[in-house]
């Protein structure tokens, strides 16, 4: 689901699969790295919308370089529903 709307912002891309949920945030390298993308997901509480699905939720930050026209960084963290915390 592209441009997935929440009450705290828009998730760039959400993939709801039969066994997991992927929340993906894209950043241009000049505006931040993959770590900053993950931080945005956490700060805006994007996973909260999907906790009730009772599936593992993965947070994915992807940074792109517009000059190289390629992915420069990828970071993945799992959101732990039961503890309402993040792990790497």
PDB file of N, CA and C in Angstrom:
ATOM      1  N   UNK A   1       0.840  -1.150   0.000  1.00  0.00           N
ATOM      2  CA  UNK A   1       0.000   0.000   0.000  1.00  0.00           C
ATOM      3  C   UNK A   1       0.905   1.240   0.000  1.00  0.00           C
ATOM      4  N   UNK A   2       1.037   1.926  -1.136  1.00  0.00           N
ATOM      5  CA  UNK A   2       1.876   3.130  -1.183  1.00  0.00           C
ATOM      6  C   UNK A   2       1.187   4.306  -0.506  1.00  0.00           C
ATOM      7  N   UNK A   3       1.992   5.194   0.069  1.00  0.00           N
ATOM      8  CA  UNK A   3       1.464   6.396   0.746  1.00  0.00           C
ATOM      9  C   UNK A   3       0.353   6.019   1.725  1.00  0.00           C
ATOM     10  N   UNK A   4       0.666   5.086   2.606  1.00  0.00           N
ATOM     11  CA  UNK A   4      -0.251   4.568   3.618  1.00  0.00           C
ATOM     12  C   UNK A   4      -0.466   5.638   4.691  1.00  0.00           C
ATOM     13  N   UNK A   5      -1.669   6.139   4.790  1.00  0.00           N
ATOM     14  CA  UNK A   5      -1.981   7.247   5.691  1.00  0.00           C
ATOM     15  C   UNK A   5      -2.214   6.749   7.116  1.00  0.00           C
ATOM     16  N   UNK A   6      -1.592   7.435   8.082  1.00  0.00           N
ATOM     17  CA  UNK A   6      -1.846   7.194   9.498  1.00  0.00           C
ATOM     18  C   UNK A   6      -2.269   8.521  10.115  1.00  0.00           C
ATOM     19  N   UNK A   7      -2.617   8.502  11.379  1.00  0.00           N
ATOM     20  CA  UNK A   7      -2.991   9.755  12.030  1.00  0.00           C
ATOM     21  C   UNK A   7      -1.774  10.609  12.386  1.00  0.00           C
ATOM     22  N   UNK A   8      -0.562  10.101  12.105  1.00  0.00           N
ATOM     23  CA  UNK A   8       0.664  10.833  12.426  1.00  0.00           C
ATOM     24  C   UNK A   8       1.556  11.069  11.206  1.00  0.00           C
ATOM     25  N   UNK A   9       1.058  10.775  10.019  1.00  0.00           N
ATOM     26  CA  UNK A   9       1.847  10.981   8.810  1.00  0.00           C
ATOM     27  C   UNK A   9       1.534   9.929   7.760  1.00  0.00           C
ATOM     28  N   UNK A  10       2.401   9.865   6.751  1.00  0.00           N
ATOM     29  CA  UNK A  10       2.230   8.897   5.663  1.00  0.00           C
ATOM     30  C   UNK A  10       3.431   7.964   5.583  1.00  0.00           C
ATOM     31  N   UNK A  11       3.141   6.692   5.621  1.00  0.00           N
ATOM     32  CA  UNK A  11       4.172   5.676   5.429  1.00  0.00           C
ATOM     33  C   UNK A  11       4.421   5.585   3.928  1.00  0.00           C
ATOM     34  N   UNK A  12       5.698   5.578   3.514  1.00  0.00           N
ATOM     35  CA  UNK A  12       5.996   5.513   2.082  1.00  0.00           C
ATOM     36  C   UNK A  12       5.435   4.244   1.445  1.00  0.00           C
ATOM     37  N   UNK A  13       5.620   3.095   2.119  1.00  0.00           N
ATOM     38  CA  UNK A  13       5.127   1.842   1.557  1.00  0.00           C
ATOM     39  C   UNK A  13       4.907   0.840   2.685  1.00  0.00           C
ATOM     40  N   UNK A  14       3.761   0.185   2.670  1.00  0.00           N
ATOM     41  CA  UNK A  14       3.471  -0.888   3.615  1.00  0.00           C
ATOM     42  C   UNK A  14       3.120  -2.137   2.817  1.00  0.00           C
ATOM     43  N   UNK A  15       3.760  -3.240   3.162  1.00  0.00           N
ATOM     44  CA  UNK A  15       3.442  -4.522   2.537  1.00  0.00           C
ATOM     45  C   UNK A  15       2.859  -5.425   3.618  1.00  0.00           C
ATOM     46  N   UNK A  16       1.613  -5.816   3.442  1.00  0.00           N
ATOM     47  CA  UNK A  16       0.960  -6.722   4.372  1.00  0.00           C
ATOM     48  C   UNK A  16       0.963  -8.107   3.727  1.00  0.00           C
ATOM     49  N   UNK A  17       1.757  -8.998   4.327  1.00  0.00           N
ATOM     50  CA  UNK A  17       1.893 -10.348   3.796  1.00  0.00           C
ATOM     51  C   UNK A  17       1.173 -11.317   4.731  1.00  0.00           C
ATOM     52  N   UNK A  18       1.028 -12.555   4.304  1.00  0.00           N
ATOM     53  CA  UNK A  18       0.285 -13.505   5.130  1.00  0.00           C
ATOM     54  C   UNK A  18       0.973 -13.780   6.465  1.00  0.00           C
ATOM     55  N   UNK A  19       2.290 -13.608   6.533  1.00  0.00           N
ATOM     56  CA  UNK A  19       3.012 -13.945   7.766  1.00  0.00           C
ATOM     57  C   UNK A  19       3.765 -12.783   8.408  1.00  0.00           C
ATOM     58  N   UNK A  20       3.736 -11.593   7.798  1.00  0.00           N
ATOM     59  CA  UNK A  20       4.465 -10.445   8.341  1.00  0.00           C
ATOM     60  C   UNK A  20       3.994  -9.155   7.692  1.00  0.00           C
ATOM     61  N   UNK A  21       4.429  -8.045   8.291  1.00  0.00           N
ATOM     62  CA  UNK A  21       4.132  -6.712   7.758  1.00  0.00           C
ATOM     63  C   UNK A  21       5.456  -5.968   7.613  1.00  0.00           C
ATOM     64  N   UNK A  22       5.669  -5.357   6.453  1.00  0.00           N
ATOM     65  CA  UNK A  22       6.871  -4.571   6.193  1.00  0.00           C
ATOM     66  C   UNK A  22       6.476  -3.106   6.075  1.00  0.00           C
ATOM     67  N   UNK A  23       7.101  -2.261   6.888  1.00  0.00           N
ATOM     68  CA  UNK A  23       6.875  -0.824   6.818  1.00  0.00           C
ATOM     69  C   UNK A  23       8.157  -0.214   6.280  1.00  0.00           C
ATOM     70  N   UNK A  24       8.061   0.420   5.115  1.00  0.00           N
ATOM     71  CA  UNK A  24       9.247   0.891   4.398  1.00  0.00           C
ATOM     72  C   UNK A  24       9.215   2.407   4.259  1.00  0.00           C
ATOM     73  N   UNK A  25      10.342   3.022   4.614  1.00  0.00           N
ATOM     74  CA  UNK A  25      10.498   4.473   4.480  1.00  0.00           C
ATOM     75  C   UNK A  25      11.704   4.721   3.586  1.00  0.00           C
ATOM     76  N   UNK A  26      11.512   5.535   2.566  1.00  0.00           N
ATOM     77  CA  UNK A  26      12.583   5.877   1.627  1.00  0.00           C
ATOM     78  C   UNK A  26      13.125   7.269   1.937  1.00  0.00           C
ATOM     79  N   UNK A  27      14.438   7.428   1.798  1.00  0.00           N
ATOM     80  CA  UNK A  27      15.078   8.737   1.976  1.00  0.00           C
ATOM     81  C   UNK A  27      16.063   8.964   0.841  1.00  0.00           C
ATOM     82  N   UNK A  28      16.067  10.192   0.308  1.00  0.00           N
ATOM     83  CA  UNK A  28      17.142  10.566  -0.589  1.00  0.00           C
ATOM     84  C   UNK A  28      18.373  10.812   0.259  1.00  0.00           C
ATOM     85  N   UNK A  29      19.522  10.380  -0.202  1.00  0.00           N
ATOM     86  CA  UNK A  29      20.761  10.480   0.569  1.00  0.00           C
ATOM     87  C   UNK A  29      21.005  11.905   1.075  1.00  0.00           C
ATOM     88  N   UNK A  30      20.671  12.910   0.275  1.00  0.00           N
ATOM     89  CA  UNK A  30      20.924  14.290   0.675  1.00  0.00           C
ATOM     90  C   UNK A  30      20.006  14.741   1.821  1.00  0.00           C
ATOM     91  N   UNK A  31      18.926  13.996   2.102  1.00  0.00           N
ATOM     92  CA  UNK A  31      18.013  14.341   3.185  1.00  0.00           C
ATOM     93  C   UNK A  31      18.122  13.411   4.392  1.00  0.00           C
ATOM     94  N   UNK A  32      18.914  12.365   4.289  1.00  0.00           N
ATOM     95  CA  UNK A  32      19.073  11.444   5.414  1.00  0.00           C
ATOM     96  C   UNK A  32      19.450  10.054   4.954  1.00  0.00           C
ATOM     97  N   UNK A  33      19.869   9.263   5.899  1.00  0.00           N
ATOM     98  CA  UNK A  33      20.279   7.893   5.590  1.00  0.00           C
ATOM     99  C   UNK A  33      19.192   6.906   6.020  1.00  0.00           C
ATOM    100  N   UNK A  34      19.491   5.620   5.885  1.00  0.00           N
ATOM    101  CA  UNK A  34      18.523   4.579   6.234  1.00  0.00           C
ATOM    102  C   UNK A  34      18.192   4.618   7.725  1.00  0.00           C
ATOM    103  N   UNK A  35      19.174   4.964   8.544  1.00  0.00           N
ATOM    104  CA  UNK A  35      18.938   5.063   9.987  1.00  0.00           C
ATOM    105  C   UNK A  35      17.916   6.163  10.292  1.00  0.00           C
ATOM    106  N   UNK A  36      18.018   7.277   9.592  1.00  0.00           N
ATOM    107  CA  UNK A  36      17.058   8.368   9.784  1.00  0.00           C
ATOM    108  C   UNK A  36      15.654   7.937   9.345  1.00  0.00           C
ATOM    109  N   UNK A  37      15.581   7.126   8.305  1.00  0.00           N
ATOM    110  CA  UNK A  37      14.291   6.614   7.838  1.00  0.00           C
ATOM    111  C   UNK A  37      13.646   5.739   8.912  1.00  0.00           C
ATOM    112  N   UNK A  38      14.443   4.861   9.543  1.00  0.00           N
ATOM    113  CA  UNK A  38      13.940   4.013  10.629  1.00  0.00           C
ATOM    114  C   UNK A  38      13.495   4.884  11.807  1.00  0.00           C
ATOM    115  N   UNK A  39      14.278   5.906  12.120  1.00  0.00           N
ATOM    116  CA  UNK A  39      13.926   6.812  13.213  1.00  0.00           C
ATOM    117  C   UNK A  39      12.576   7.475  12.954  1.00  0.00           C
ATOM    118  N   UNK A  40      12.324   7.857  11.710  1.00  0.00           N
ATOM    119  CA  UNK A  40      11.043   8.474  11.361  1.00  0.00           C
ATOM    120  C   UNK A  40       9.892   7.502  11.597  1.00  0.00           C
ATOM    121  N   UNK A  41      10.073   6.252  11.210  1.00  0.00           N
ATOM    122  CA  UNK A  41       9.035   5.236  11.418  1.00  0.00           C
ATOM    123  C   UNK A  41       8.714   5.124  12.905  1.00  0.00           C
ATOM    124  N   UNK A  42       9.757   5.098  13.725  1.00  0.00           N
ATOM    125  CA  UNK A  42       9.567   4.976  15.180  1.00  0.00           C
ATOM    126  C   UNK A  42       8.927   6.224  15.774  1.00  0.00           C
ATOM    127  N   UNK A  43       9.475   7.385  15.431  1.00  0.00           N
ATOM    128  CA  UNK A  43       8.993   8.646  16.004  1.00  0.00           C
ATOM    129  C   UNK A  43       7.530   8.921  15.664  1.00  0.00           C
ATOM    130  N   UNK A  44       7.133   8.547  14.467  1.00  0.00           N
ATOM    131  CA  UNK A  44       5.752   8.798  14.033  1.00  0.00           C
ATOM    132  C   UNK A  44       4.795   7.678  14.467  1.00  0.00           C
ATOM    133  N   UNK A  45       5.345   6.625  15.067  1.00  0.00           N
ATOM    134  CA  UNK A  45       4.490   5.540  15.553  1.00  0.00           C
ATOM    135  C   UNK A  45       3.795   4.765  14.455  1.00  0.00           C
ATOM    136  N   UNK A  46       4.402   4.669  13.284  1.00  0.00           N
ATOM    137  CA  UNK A  46       3.763   3.981  12.164  1.00  0.00           C
ATOM    138  C   UNK A  46       3.357   2.532  12.475  1.00  0.00           C
ATOM    139  N   UNK A  47       4.163   1.762  13.231  1.00  0.00           N
ATOM    140  CA  UNK A  47       3.756   0.368  13.497  1.00  0.00           C
ATOM    141  C   UNK A  47       2.468   0.244  14.309  1.00  0.00           C
ATOM    142  N   UNK A  48       2.120   1.273  15.066  1.00  0.00           N
ATOM    143  CA  UNK A  48       0.931   1.205  15.921  1.00  0.00           C
ATOM    144  C   UNK A  48      -0.326   0.817  15.140  1.00  0.00           C
ATOM    145  N   UNK A  49      -0.395   1.253  13.904  1.00  0.00           N
ATOM    146  CA  UNK A  49      -1.563   0.970  13.060  1.00  0.00           C
ATOM    147  C   UNK A  49      -1.735  -0.530  12.810  1.00  0.00           C
ATOM    148  N   UNK A  50      -0.640  -1.295  12.913  1.00  0.00           N
ATOM    149  CA  UNK A  50      -0.661  -2.704  12.516  1.00  0.00           C
ATOM    150  C   UNK A  50      -0.468  -3.696  13.657  1.00  0.00           C
ATOM    151  N   UNK A  51      -0.307  -3.227  14.879  1.00  0.00           N
ATOM    152  CA  UNK A  51      -0.107  -4.124  16.017  1.00  0.00           C
ATOM    153  C   UNK A  51      -1.270  -5.100  16.167  1.00  0.00           C
ATOM    154  N   UNK A  52      -2.468  -4.656  15.906  1.00  0.00           N
ATOM    155  CA  UNK A  52      -3.649  -5.514  16.071  1.00  0.00           C
ATOM    156  C   UNK A  52      -3.695  -6.678  15.075  1.00  0.00           C
ATOM    157  N   UNK A  53      -2.830  -6.669  14.067  1.00  0.00           N
ATOM    158  CA  UNK A  53      -2.785  -7.774  13.101  1.00  0.00           C
ATOM    159  C   UNK A  53      -2.107  -9.008  13.702  1.00  0.00           C
ATOM    160  N   UNK A  54      -1.370  -8.836  14.803  1.00  0.00           N
ATOM    161  CA  UNK A  54      -0.668  -9.935  15.490  1.00  0.00           C
ATOM    162  C   UNK A  54       0.269 -10.693  14.559  1.00  0.00           C
ATOM    163  N   UNK A  55       1.021  -9.936  13.770  1.00  0.00           N
ATOM    164  CA  UNK A  55       2.043 -10.493  12.879  1.00  0.00           C
ATOM    165  C   UNK A  55       3.358  -9.777  13.172  1.00  0.00           C
ATOM    166  N   UNK A  56       4.489 -10.417  12.884  1.00  0.00           N
ATOM    167  CA  UNK A  56       5.761  -9.704  13.037  1.00  0.00           C
ATOM    168  C   UNK A  56       5.788  -8.479  12.118  1.00  0.00           C
ATOM    169  N   UNK A  57       6.306  -7.374  12.638  1.00  0.00           N
ATOM    170  CA  UNK A  57       6.403  -6.135  11.873  1.00  0.00           C
ATOM    171  C   UNK A  57       7.875  -5.793  11.706  1.00  0.00           C
ATOM    172  N   UNK A  58       8.270  -5.555  10.464  1.00  0.00           N
ATOM    173  CA  UNK A  58       9.652  -5.189  10.156  1.00  0.00           C
ATOM    174  C   UNK A  58       9.691  -3.752   9.651  1.00  0.00           C
ATOM    175  N   UNK A  59      10.630  -2.988  10.181  1.00  0.00           N
ATOM    176  CA  UNK A  59      10.833  -1.605   9.778  1.00  0.00           C
ATOM    177  C   UNK A  59      12.031  -1.562   8.843  1.00  0.00           C
ATOM    178  N   UNK A  60      11.846  -0.968   7.678  1.00  0.00           N
ATOM    179  CA  UNK A  60      12.898  -0.959   6.663  1.00  0.00           C
ATOM    180  C   UNK A  60      13.159   0.480   6.231  1.00  0.00           C
ATOM    181  N   UNK A  61      14.420   0.894   6.351  1.00  0.00           N
ATOM    182  CA  UNK A  61      14.844   2.203   5.881  1.00  0.00           C
ATOM    183  C   UNK A  61      15.739   2.022   4.669  1.00  0.00           C
ATOM    184  N   UNK A  62      15.446   2.769   3.620  1.00  0.00           N
ATOM    185  CA  UNK A  62      16.232   2.667   2.382  1.00  0.00           C
ATOM    186  C   UNK A  62      16.649   4.071   1.961  1.00  0.00           C
ATOM    187  N   UNK A  63      17.940   4.244   1.732  1.00  0.00           N
ATOM    188  CA  UNK A  63      18.487   5.528   1.288  1.00  0.00           C
ATOM    189  C   UNK A  63      18.928   5.404  -0.168  1.00  0.00           C
ATOM    190  N   UNK A  64      18.578   6.424  -0.967  1.00  0.00           N
ATOM    191  CA  UNK A  64      18.919   6.448  -2.386  1.00  0.00           C
ATOM    192  C   UNK A  64      19.843   7.619  -2.684  1.00  0.00           C
ATOM    193  N   UNK A  65      20.765   7.404  -3.609  1.00  0.00           N
ATOM    194  CA  UNK A  65      21.635   8.478  -4.100  1.00  0.00           C
ATOM    195  C   UNK A  65      21.134   8.872  -5.489  1.00  0.00           C
ATOM    196  N   UNK A  66      20.736  10.136  -5.647  1.00  0.00           N
ATOM    197  CA  UNK A  66      20.172  10.583  -6.921  1.00  0.00           C
ATOM    198  C   UNK A  66      21.232  10.700  -8.014  1.00  0.00           C
ATOM    199  N   UNK A  67      22.466  10.931  -7.644  1.00  0.00           N
ATOM    200  CA  UNK A  67      23.540  11.038  -8.639  1.00  0.00           C
ATOM    201  C   UNK A  67      23.911   9.655  -9.167  1.00  0.00           C
ATOM    202  N   UNK A  68      24.112   8.699  -8.239  1.00  0.00           N
ATOM    203  CA  UNK A  68      24.452   7.330  -8.645  1.00  0.00           C
ATOM    204  C   UNK A  68      23.227   6.557  -9.134  1.00  0.00           C
ATOM    205  N   UNK A  69      22.037   7.076  -8.773  1.00  0.00           N
ATOM    206  CA  UNK A  69      20.772   6.435  -9.130  1.00  0.00           C
ATOM    207  C   UNK A  69      20.726   4.987  -8.644  1.00  0.00           C
ATOM    208  N   UNK A  70      21.028   4.863  -7.325  1.00  0.00           N
ATOM    209  CA  UNK A  70      21.104   3.540  -6.746  1.00  0.00           C
ATOM    210  C   UNK A  70      20.826   3.597  -5.249  1.00  0.00           C
ATOM    211  N   UNK A  71      20.553   2.449  -4.673  1.00  0.00           N
ATOM    212  CA  UNK A  71      20.402   2.336  -3.230  1.00  0.00           C
ATOM    213  C   UNK A  71      21.785   2.468  -2.600  1.00  0.00           C
ATOM    214  N   UNK A  72      21.889   3.328  -1.581  1.00  0.00           N
ATOM    215  CA  UNK A  72      23.176   3.507  -0.905  1.00  0.00           C
ATOM    216  C   UNK A  72      23.211   2.847   0.464  1.00  0.00           C
ATOM    217  N   UNK A  73      22.039   2.627   1.049  1.00  0.00           N
ATOM    218  CA  UNK A  73      22.003   2.022   2.373  1.00  0.00           C
ATOM    219  C   UNK A  73      20.641   1.378   2.619  1.00  0.00           C
ATOM    220  N   UNK A  74      20.672   0.266   3.345  1.00  0.00           N
ATOM    221  CA  UNK A  74      19.465  -0.453   3.711  1.00  0.00           C
ATOM    222  C   UNK A  74      19.594  -0.874   5.166  1.00  0.00           C
ATOM    223  N   UNK A  75      18.564  -0.616   5.958  1.00  0.00           N
ATOM    224  CA  UNK A  75      18.572  -0.990   7.370  1.00  0.00           C
ATOM    225  C   UNK A  75      17.228  -1.620   7.697  1.00  0.00           C
ATOM    226  N   UNK A  76      17.274  -2.718   8.472  1.00  0.00           N
ATOM    227  CA  UNK A  76      16.052  -3.444   8.835  1.00  0.00           C
ATOM    228  C   UNK A  76      16.056  -3.688  10.340  1.00  0.00           C
ATOM    229  N   UNK A  77      14.922  -3.439  10.969  1.00  0.00           N
ATOM    230  CA  UNK A  77      14.728  -3.738  12.389  1.00  0.00           C
ATOM    231  C   UNK A  77      13.375  -4.413  12.549  1.00  0.00           C
ATOM    232  N   UNK A  78      13.285  -5.291  13.535  1.00  0.00           N
ATOM    233  CA  UNK A  78      11.994  -5.913  13.839  1.00  0.00           C
ATOM    234  C   UNK A  78      11.348  -5.175  15.000  1.00  0.00           C
ATOM    235  N   UNK A  79      10.077  -4.877  14.843  1.00  0.00           N
ATOM    236  CA  UNK A  79       9.281  -4.256  15.893  1.00  0.00           C
ATOM    237  C   UNK A  79       8.696  -5.373  16.739  1.00  0.00           C
ATOM    238  N   UNK A  80       8.895  -5.298  18.035  1.00  0.00           N
ATOM    239  CA  UNK A  80       8.399  -6.347  18.921  1.00  0.00           C
ATOM    240  C   UNK A  80       7.076  -5.922  19.527  1.00  0.00           C
ATOM    241  N   UNK A  81       5.996  -6.503  19.040  1.00  0.00           N
ATOM    242  CA  UNK A  81       4.639  -6.148  19.470  1.00  0.00           C
ATOM    243  C   UNK A  81       4.408  -6.350  20.967  1.00  0.00           C
ATOM    244  N   UNK A  82       4.822  -7.485  21.484  1.00  0.00           N
ATOM    245  CA  UNK A  82       4.483  -7.832  22.862  1.00  0.00           C
ATOM    246  C   UNK A  82       5.102  -6.871  23.878  1.00  0.00           C
ATOM    247  N   UNK A  83       6.275  -6.363  23.596  1.00  0.00           N
ATOM    248  CA  UNK A  83       6.937  -5.453  24.523  1.00  0.00           C
ATOM    249  C   UNK A  83       6.798  -4.005  24.098  1.00  0.00           C
ATOM    250  N   UNK A  84       6.206  -3.798  22.912  1.00  0.00           N
ATOM    251  CA  UNK A  84       6.071  -2.439  22.362  1.00  0.00           C
ATOM    252  C   UNK A  84       7.421  -1.748  22.292  1.00  0.00           C
ATOM    253  N   UNK A  85       8.437  -2.545  21.878  1.00  0.00           N
ATOM    254  CA  UNK A  85       9.798  -2.018  21.758  1.00  0.00           C
ATOM    255  C   UNK A  85      10.373  -2.437  20.424  1.00  0.00           C
ATOM    256  N   UNK A  86      11.529  -1.862  20.111  1.00  0.00           N
ATOM    257  CA  UNK A  86      12.216  -2.172  18.866  1.00  0.00           C
ATOM    258  C   UNK A  86      13.461  -2.988  19.167  1.00  0.00           C
ATOM    259  N   UNK A  87      13.840  -3.866  18.246  1.00  0.00           N
ATOM    260  CA  UNK A  87      15.096  -4.599  18.366  1.00  0.00           C
ATOM    261  C   UNK A  87      15.791  -4.597  17.019  1.00  0.00           C
ATOM    262  N   UNK A  88      17.092  -4.866  17.054  1.00  0.00           N
ATOM    263  CA  UNK A  88      17.865  -4.913  15.807  1.00  0.00           C
ATOM    264  C   UNK A  88      18.334  -6.318  15.545  1.00  0.00           C
TER     265      UNK A  88
END
